[in-house]
């Protein structure tokens, strides 16, 4: 089993954050409950959005590590972007 790089882990956190936000939005749209059930749904939405923010912050921290920065600067995608900006 291959170990994932920090860059891949950061991308995974970003996808999880997007999923959490999408779920929170769906809960808000579909929330037709009243009273106590609606309060619980709103609390769930708040927790999902907080988790999405934590995941994004963690992904950003991972991207700031030297290993991840070195990987990003040596990847074919980033080098082709560098080529495009030079011309």
Protein backbone atom coordinates (compact mmCIF):
# COMPACT_ATOMS: atom_id res chain seq x y z
CA UNK A 1 0.00 0.00 0.00
CA UNK A 2 1.46 3.31 -1.13
CA UNK A 3 1.73 6.18 1.39
CA UNK A 4 0.02 9.36 0.33
CA UNK A 5 1.98 12.56 0.01
CA UNK A 6 1.15 15.63 2.07
CA UNK A 7 -0.15 17.26 -1.10
CA UNK A 8 -2.55 14.36 -1.70
CA UNK A 9 -3.67 14.49 1.92
CA UNK A 10 -4.33 18.22 1.63
CA UNK A 11 -6.41 17.60 -1.52
CA UNK A 12 -8.39 14.94 0.36
CA UNK A 13 -9.11 17.41 3.16
CA UNK A 14 -10.32 19.94 0.58
CA UNK A 15 -12.69 17.37 -0.94
CA UNK A 16 -14.00 16.46 2.52
CA UNK A 17 -14.56 20.15 3.26
CA UNK A 18 -16.50 20.54 0.01
CA UNK A 19 -18.59 17.47 0.87
CA UNK A 20 -19.34 18.82 4.36
CA UNK A 21 -20.41 22.18 2.95
CA UNK A 22 -22.59 20.55 0.31
CA UNK A 23 -24.28 18.42 2.96
CA UNK A 24 -24.82 21.46 5.18
CA UNK A 25 -26.40 23.32 2.25
CA UNK A 26 -28.68 20.38 1.46
CA UNK A 27 -29.79 20.19 5.08
CA UNK A 28 -30.60 23.90 5.06
CA UNK A 29 -32.58 23.66 1.81
CA UNK A 30 -34.49 20.55 2.83
CA UNK A 31 -35.12 21.73 6.38
CA UNK A 32 -38.89 21.84 6.59
CA UNK A 33 -39.07 20.62 10.17
CA UNK A 34 -40.34 22.86 12.89
CA UNK A 35 -39.41 23.32 16.51
CA UNK A 36 -36.86 21.03 18.12
CA UNK A 37 -36.03 19.09 14.93
CA UNK A 38 -35.17 22.29 13.08
CA UNK A 39 -32.93 23.42 15.95
CA UNK A 40 -31.03 20.12 15.77
CA UNK A 41 -30.70 20.44 12.00
CA UNK A 42 -29.31 23.96 12.34
CA UNK A 43 -26.83 22.73 14.94
CA UNK A 44 -25.75 19.97 12.56
CA UNK A 45 -25.28 22.51 9.78
CA UNK A 46 -23.12 24.63 12.07
CA UNK A 47 -20.96 21.65 13.03
CA UNK A 48 -20.54 20.62 9.39
CA UNK A 49 -19.46 24.12 8.39
CA UNK A 50 -17.02 24.28 11.31
CA UNK A 51 -15.56 20.93 10.30
CA UNK A 52 -15.21 22.15 6.71
CA UNK A 53 -13.30 25.19 7.95
CA UNK A 54 -11.02 23.04 10.13
CA UNK A 55 -10.30 20.73 7.19
CA UNK A 56 -9.42 23.69 4.96
CA UNK A 57 -7.12 25.16 7.60
CA UNK A 58 -5.39 21.82 8.05
CA UNK A 59 -5.01 21.46 4.27
CA UNK A 60 -3.48 24.93 4.11
CA UNK A 61 -1.02 24.06 6.89
CA UNK A 62 -0.02 20.88 5.08
CA UNK A 63 0.59 22.84 1.89
CA UNK A 64 2.95 25.16 3.81
CA UNK A 65 5.23 22.32 4.87
CA UNK A 66 8.54 22.17 2.99
CA UNK A 67 7.84 18.65 1.69
CA UNK A 68 4.54 19.70 0.17
CA UNK A 69 5.96 22.91 -1.29
CA UNK A 70 8.83 21.00 -2.88
CA UNK A 71 6.41 18.51 -4.37
CA UNK A 72 4.18 21.26 -5.76
CA UNK A 73 7.11 23.13 -7.30
CA UNK A 74 8.43 19.98 -8.97
CA UNK A 75 5.09 18.65 -10.26
CA UNK A 76 4.43 18.68 -14.02
CA UNK A 77 1.28 20.76 -13.55
CA UNK A 78 3.09 23.54 -11.72
CA UNK A 79 6.01 23.53 -14.15
CA UNK A 80 3.63 23.86 -17.11
CA UNK A 81 1.93 26.79 -15.32
CA UNK A 82 5.36 28.36 -14.83
CA UNK A 83 6.11 27.90 -18.52
CA UNK A 84 2.83 29.53 -19.48
CA UNK A 85 3.41 32.58 -17.26
CA UNK A 86 6.90 33.10 -18.65
CA UNK A 87 5.63 33.51 -22.21
